[in-house]
Amino acid sequence: MRPSPVPGSSCVLACQSVLTEDCVIEIPAPEEVVVHPARTMRAEVVAVAPLCRDTLRLRLRPQAALSFSPGQYVELEFERGLARPYSMCGLPGNELEFHARLHPGGRASARLSGELKPGDMLKLRGPLGSTFLRSRNEDPILCVGAGTGLAPTLSILRGIAAAGMKNPLQIYLGFTCREDVYGQDELAQLLEHLPAACAHTVVATGALDRGMRRGLLTSAIAADFPSLAGWRGYVFGSPHAVDATVRTLREKQMAEQSIYAEPFHITGN
């Protein structure tokens, strides 16, 4: 989940650019500025436990409190040359929690599923990422998490609750099949503190539990909203899911500057 622009946008380095005609320079609003400098520290493994068939919950206790904004992530180094990015699912505190998807043959997955144990030490670098909660507005909010995109989505939702935000809030969580679904009880408990929120769990194939919807995230969002003009969107998950969702938000007239997206790229083996 490397920092990247919204799919379809482009970036330039201002310090290496030469103006050839008149231009307009837009200064970002204060809430758009990342205020937590990245740090490197050691963190102790507190627990590793399964969440579903291919996803683990990893809890760490950093050697010092880590300040971050909801939606950001850190890079965890298991050994020299083996580091992976993972999003926090909570708020700043004495412990950090992550959801890690296991990939067949993956070196980090092998460490997580078979070798890592409480008391082990990892190196942590962060916080990183520019897809984080903007709390100084009253715009309606759309949160979309595909698979382990649930982790930063939960962080965003906890940030909304902690800030006392009253914004209308719609949450869409997407999974491939019922066996991949997790976190429903945790989400239900959190919704008790978010009276303006409504959540949808969308499953692509197979059996469904009560309250779930069948299909694709993009189809569910497109069916539910004639227009998303004036909304803000936070999107997390695989690059394919993020790209497709961002296209849908654009088609539904969500403003480009109101789309915050973090694709979870697989890095290395």
Protein backbone atom coordinates (compact mmCIF):
# COMPACT_ATOMS: atom_id res chain seq x y z
CA MET A 1 0.00 0.00 0.00
CA ARG A 2 2.48 2.55 -1.18
CA PRO A 3 1.57 6.26 -1.24
CA SER A 4 0.24 7.05 -4.69
CA PRO A 5 -1.96 9.62 -6.40
CA VAL A 6 -5.59 8.93 -7.13
CA PRO A 7 -5.67 6.61 -10.17
CA GLY A 8 -5.77 8.65 -13.36
CA SER A 9 -4.14 11.74 -11.84
CA SER A 10 -0.54 12.90 -12.29
CA CYS A 11 2.11 14.50 -10.09
CA VAL A 12 5.10 16.73 -10.79
CA LEU A 13 8.01 17.89 -8.66
CA ALA A 14 7.59 21.65 -8.31
CA CYS A 15 11.26 22.10 -7.44
CA GLN A 16 12.24 20.65 -10.83
CA SER A 17 9.60 22.39 -12.95
CA VAL A 18 9.99 25.43 -15.20
CA LEU A 19 6.99 27.70 -15.86
CA THR A 20 6.35 28.49 -19.51
CA GLU A 21 3.04 30.33 -19.09
CA ASP A 22 0.74 31.76 -16.44
CA CYS A 23 -0.42 29.26 -13.84
CA VAL A 24 -2.49 29.05 -10.66
CA ILE A 25 -0.87 27.58 -7.53
CA GLU A 26 -3.32 26.09 -5.07
CA ILE A 27 -2.19 26.01 -1.45
CA PRO A 28 -3.61 22.94 0.35
CA ALA A 29 -6.00 23.45 3.23
CA PRO A 30 -4.49 22.86 6.69
CA GLU A 31 -6.27 19.52 7.02
CA GLU A 32 -4.64 18.31 3.79
CA VAL A 33 -1.13 18.60 5.24
CA VAL A 34 0.43 15.50 6.78
CA VAL A 35 1.36 16.58 10.30
CA HIS A 36 2.90 13.38 11.69
CA PRO A 37 6.56 12.99 10.71
CA ALA A 38 7.64 9.43 9.96
CA ARG A 39 9.74 7.76 12.65
CA THR A 40 11.65 4.50 12.91
CA MET A 41 11.35 2.44 16.09
CA ARG A 42 11.18 -1.10 17.38
CA ALA A 43 7.87 -2.77 18.21
CA GLU A 44 7.12 -5.92 20.20
CA VAL A 45 4.69 -8.53 18.90
CA VAL A 46 1.78 -8.82 21.34
CA ALA A 47 -0.40 -11.32 19.47
CA VAL A 48 -0.93 -12.98 16.09
CA ALA A 49 -4.33 -14.59 15.50
CA PRO A 50 -6.50 -15.60 12.50
CA LEU A 51 -9.42 -13.42 11.42
CA CYS A 52 -10.58 -15.58 8.51
CA ARG A 53 -9.10 -18.21 6.21
CA ASP A 54 -6.36 -16.00 4.72
CA THR A 55 -6.18 -12.97 7.04
CA LEU A 56 -4.45 -12.50 10.39
CA ARG A 57 -4.72 -9.91 13.12
CA LEU A 58 -1.33 -8.62 14.24
CA ARG A 59 -0.99 -6.57 17.42
CA LEU A 60 2.20 -4.68 18.22
CA ARG A 61 3.42 -2.57 21.13
CA PRO A 62 5.80 0.12 19.81
CA GLN A 63 8.63 1.31 22.04
CA ALA A 64 7.13 4.82 21.95
CA ALA A 65 3.65 6.11 21.21
CA LEU A 66 3.08 6.54 17.47
CA SER A 67 1.04 9.55 16.40
CA PHE A 68 -0.89 9.13 13.14
CA SER A 69 -4.08 10.13 11.37
CA PRO A 70 -6.86 7.55 10.82
CA GLY A 71 -6.28 5.81 7.48
CA GLN A 72 -2.47 5.95 7.48
CA TYR A 73 -0.10 2.98 7.48
CA VAL A 74 3.40 1.93 8.55
CA GLU A 75 6.11 -0.25 7.06
CA LEU A 76 7.01 -3.29 9.15
CA GLU A 77 10.44 -4.85 8.72
CA PHE A 78 10.59 -8.53 9.66
CA GLU A 79 14.29 -8.85 8.82
CA ARG A 80 16.81 -7.00 6.71
CA GLY A 81 15.43 -6.82 3.16
CA LEU A 82 11.94 -8.04 4.15
CA ALA A 83 9.53 -5.18 4.85
CA ARG A 84 5.84 -4.76 4.08
CA PRO A 85 3.30 -1.92 4.50
CA TYR A 86 0.24 -2.44 6.71
CA SER A 87 -2.56 -0.05 7.67
CA MET A 88 -3.50 0.61 11.27
CA CYS A 89 -7.08 -0.35 12.11
CA GLY A 90 -7.36 1.67 15.31
CA LEU A 91 -6.38 5.03 16.75
CA PRO A 92 -3.07 6.11 18.32
CA GLY A 93 -2.39 4.36 21.61
CA ASN A 94 -0.02 2.00 23.41
CA GLU A 95 -0.77 -0.82 20.95
CA LEU A 96 -1.24 -0.95 17.18
CA GLU A 97 -3.42 -3.44 15.31
CA PHE A 98 -3.11 -4.55 11.69
CA HIS A 99 -4.93 -6.94 9.35
CA ALA A 100 -2.48 -8.91 7.22
CA ARG A 101 -3.59 -10.96 4.24
CA LEU A 102 -1.58 -14.12 3.62
CA HIS A 103 -0.28 -14.72 0.10
CA PRO A 104 0.76 -18.25 -0.95
CA GLY A 105 4.55 -18.42 -1.21
CA GLY A 106 5.00 -14.96 0.28
CA ARG A 107 8.04 -14.52 2.54
CA ALA A 108 6.27 -12.07 4.85
CA SER A 109 3.20 -14.34 4.89
CA ALA A 110 5.38 -17.26 5.97
CA ARG A 111 6.78 -15.19 8.83
CA LEU A 112 3.32 -14.08 9.92
CA SER A 113 1.62 -17.46 9.73
CA GLY A 114 4.34 -19.78 10.99
CA GLU A 115 7.21 -18.05 12.73
CA LEU A 116 6.14 -14.81 14.39
CA LYS A 117 5.24 -15.12 18.08
CA PRO A 118 4.58 -12.84 21.07
CA GLY A 119 7.76 -11.21 22.31
CA ASP A 120 9.42 -11.04 18.89
CA MET A 121 10.67 -7.62 17.84
CA LEU A 122 10.03 -5.90 14.51
CA LYS A 123 11.20 -2.59 13.11
CA LEU A 124 8.43 -0.08 12.38
CA ARG A 125 8.62 3.01 10.15
CA GLY A 126 5.79 5.51 9.86
CA PRO A 127 3.23 6.85 9.76
CA LEU A 128 2.97 6.99 5.97
CA GLY A 129 0.26 7.76 3.43
CA SER A 130 -1.88 10.74 2.47
CA THR A 131 -5.24 8.94 2.51
CA PHE A 132 -6.37 9.91 5.98
CA LEU A 133 -9.49 11.35 7.61
CA ARG A 134 -10.24 15.03 6.94
CA SER A 135 -12.33 15.96 9.96
CA ARG A 136 -12.89 19.70 9.44
CA ASN A 137 -15.92 19.52 7.19
CA GLU A 138 -19.57 18.51 7.22
CA ASP A 139 -19.64 16.75 3.84
CA PRO A 140 -21.35 13.35 3.65
CA ILE A 141 -18.75 10.57 3.66
CA LEU A 142 -18.49 7.34 1.69
CA CYS A 143 -16.04 4.74 3.06
CA VAL A 144 -15.14 1.77 0.86
CA GLY A 145 -12.97 -1.13 1.99
CA ALA A 146 -12.24 -4.23 -0.09
CA GLY A 147 -10.82 -7.22 1.80
CA THR A 148 -8.21 -6.02 4.30
CA GLY A 149 -9.21 -2.50 3.27
CA LEU A 150 -11.49 -3.02 6.27
CA ALA A 151 -8.54 -2.18 8.56
CA PRO A 152 -8.02 1.48 7.54
CA THR A 153 -11.79 1.81 7.10
CA LEU A 154 -12.23 0.91 10.77
CA SER A 155 -9.53 3.44 11.65
CA ILE A 156 -11.41 6.13 9.68
CA LEU A 157 -14.69 5.22 11.39
CA ARG A 158 -13.09 5.31 14.83
CA GLY A 159 -11.62 8.70 13.98
CA ILE A 160 -15.05 9.97 12.96
CA ALA A 161 -16.55 8.74 16.25
CA ALA A 162 -13.70 10.15 18.35
CA ALA A 163 -13.99 13.55 16.66
CA GLY A 164 -17.76 13.64 17.23
CA MET A 165 -18.40 14.17 13.53
CA LYS A 166 -22.09 14.16 12.57
CA ASN A 167 -21.56 13.82 8.82
CA PRO A 168 -23.91 11.44 6.97
CA LEU A 169 -21.88 8.25 6.52
CA GLN A 170 -22.21 5.29 4.16
CA ILE A 171 -19.86 2.29 4.47
CA TYR A 172 -19.31 -0.39 1.80
CA LEU A 173 -17.21 -3.47 2.51
CA GLY A 174 -16.45 -5.94 -0.26
CA PHE A 175 -15.32 -9.58 -0.08
CA THR A 176 -14.84 -12.31 -2.68
CA CYS A 177 -16.87 -14.96 -0.83
CA ARG A 178 -18.45 -15.67 2.56
CA GLU A 179 -15.30 -17.42 3.81
CA ASP A 180 -13.36 -14.18 3.38
CA VAL A 181 -15.76 -12.05 5.43
CA TYR A 182 -14.54 -10.93 8.85
CA GLY A 183 -14.90 -8.04 11.28
CA GLN A 184 -18.70 -7.88 11.23
CA ASP A 185 -19.12 -7.93 15.02
CA GLU A 186 -16.44 -5.28 15.44
CA LEU A 187 -18.13 -3.11 12.83
CA ALA A 188 -21.55 -3.56 14.49
CA GLN A 189 -20.15 -2.41 17.84
CA LEU A 190 -18.58 0.62 16.22
CA LEU A 191 -21.83 1.55 14.44
CA GLU A 192 -23.47 1.98 17.84
CA HIS A 193 -21.32 5.13 18.20
CA LEU A 194 -22.08 6.36 14.68
CA PRO A 195 -25.80 7.14 14.53
CA ALA A 196 -25.49 8.78 11.11
CA ALA A 197 -23.88 5.68 9.56
CA CYS A 198 -25.22 2.84 7.41
CA ALA A 199 -23.06 -0.17 6.49
CA HIS A 200 -23.29 -2.59 3.56
CA THR A 201 -21.37 -5.88 3.25
CA VAL A 202 -21.13 -6.98 -0.38
CA VAL A 203 -20.04 -10.51 -1.31
CA ALA A 204 -19.19 -11.36 -4.92
CA THR A 205 -19.94 -15.09 -5.02
CA GLY A 206 -21.28 -18.01 -2.99
CA ALA A 207 -23.54 -18.21 0.05
CA LEU A 208 -24.63 -15.15 1.99
CA ASP A 209 -25.43 -14.51 5.62
CA ARG A 210 -28.45 -12.45 6.55
CA GLY A 211 -28.03 -8.78 5.74
CA MET A 212 -25.31 -9.28 3.12
CA ARG A 213 -25.62 -8.24 -0.52
CA ARG A 214 -24.44 -10.19 -3.55
CA GLY A 215 -22.41 -8.56 -6.30
CA LEU A 216 -19.59 -6.12 -6.75
CA LEU A 217 -18.82 -3.05 -4.66
CA THR A 218 -19.06 -0.82 -7.70
CA SER A 219 -22.46 -2.21 -8.70
CA ALA A 220 -23.83 -1.71 -5.18
CA ILE A 221 -22.59 1.88 -5.00
CA ALA A 222 -23.86 2.70 -8.49
CA ALA A 223 -27.29 1.27 -7.66
CA ASP A 224 -27.60 3.18 -4.38
CA PHE A 225 -26.53 6.67 -5.50
CA PRO A 226 -27.91 8.65 -8.45
CA SER A 227 -25.19 11.20 -7.66
CA LEU A 228 -22.29 11.59 -5.25
CA ALA A 229 -21.77 15.29 -5.89
CA GLY A 230 -20.75 16.97 -2.63
CA TRP A 231 -19.57 13.72 -1.02
CA ARG A 232 -16.09 12.73 0.16
CA GLY A 233 -14.79 9.22 -0.48
CA TYR A 234 -12.16 7.09 1.27
CA VAL A 235 -11.25 3.95 -0.68
CA PHE A 236 -8.91 1.11 0.43
CA GLY A 237 -8.11 -2.32 -0.99
CA SER A 238 -6.53 -4.12 -3.92
CA PRO A 239 -5.48 -1.97 -6.90
CA HIS A 240 -8.22 -3.49 -9.07
CA ALA A 241 -10.94 -2.77 -6.50
CA VAL A 242 -9.64 0.75 -5.83
CA ASP A 243 -9.36 1.64 -9.54
CA ALA A 244 -12.87 0.36 -10.28
CA THR A 245 -14.36 2.16 -7.29
CA VAL A 246 -12.65 5.45 -8.11
CA ARG A 247 -14.03 5.26 -11.66
CA THR A 248 -17.52 4.74 -10.22
CA LEU A 249 -17.17 7.71 -7.86
CA ARG A 250 -16.11 9.91 -10.77
CA GLU A 251 -19.04 8.70 -12.87
CA LYS A 252 -21.32 9.64 -9.97
CA GLN A 253 -19.91 13.21 -9.96
CA MET A 254 -17.77 13.01 -6.83
CA ALA A 255 -15.20 15.81 -7.13
CA GLU A 256 -11.64 14.68 -7.86
CA GLN A 257 -10.23 16.55 -4.86
CA SER A 258 -12.71 14.75 -2.59
CA ILE A 259 -11.52 11.23 -3.51
CA TYR A 260 -8.86 9.75 -1.22
CA ALA A 261 -7.67 6.33 -2.40
CA GLU A 262 -5.01 3.89 -1.17
CA PRO A 263 -4.41 0.80 -3.34
CA PHE A 264 -2.74 -2.12 -1.53
CA HIS A 265 0.01 -3.18 -3.92
CA ILE A 266 1.69 -6.53 -3.33
CA THR A 267 5.39 -5.84 -2.82
CA GLY A 268 7.93 -8.62 -3.36
CA ASN A 269 7.49 -12.32 -2.74
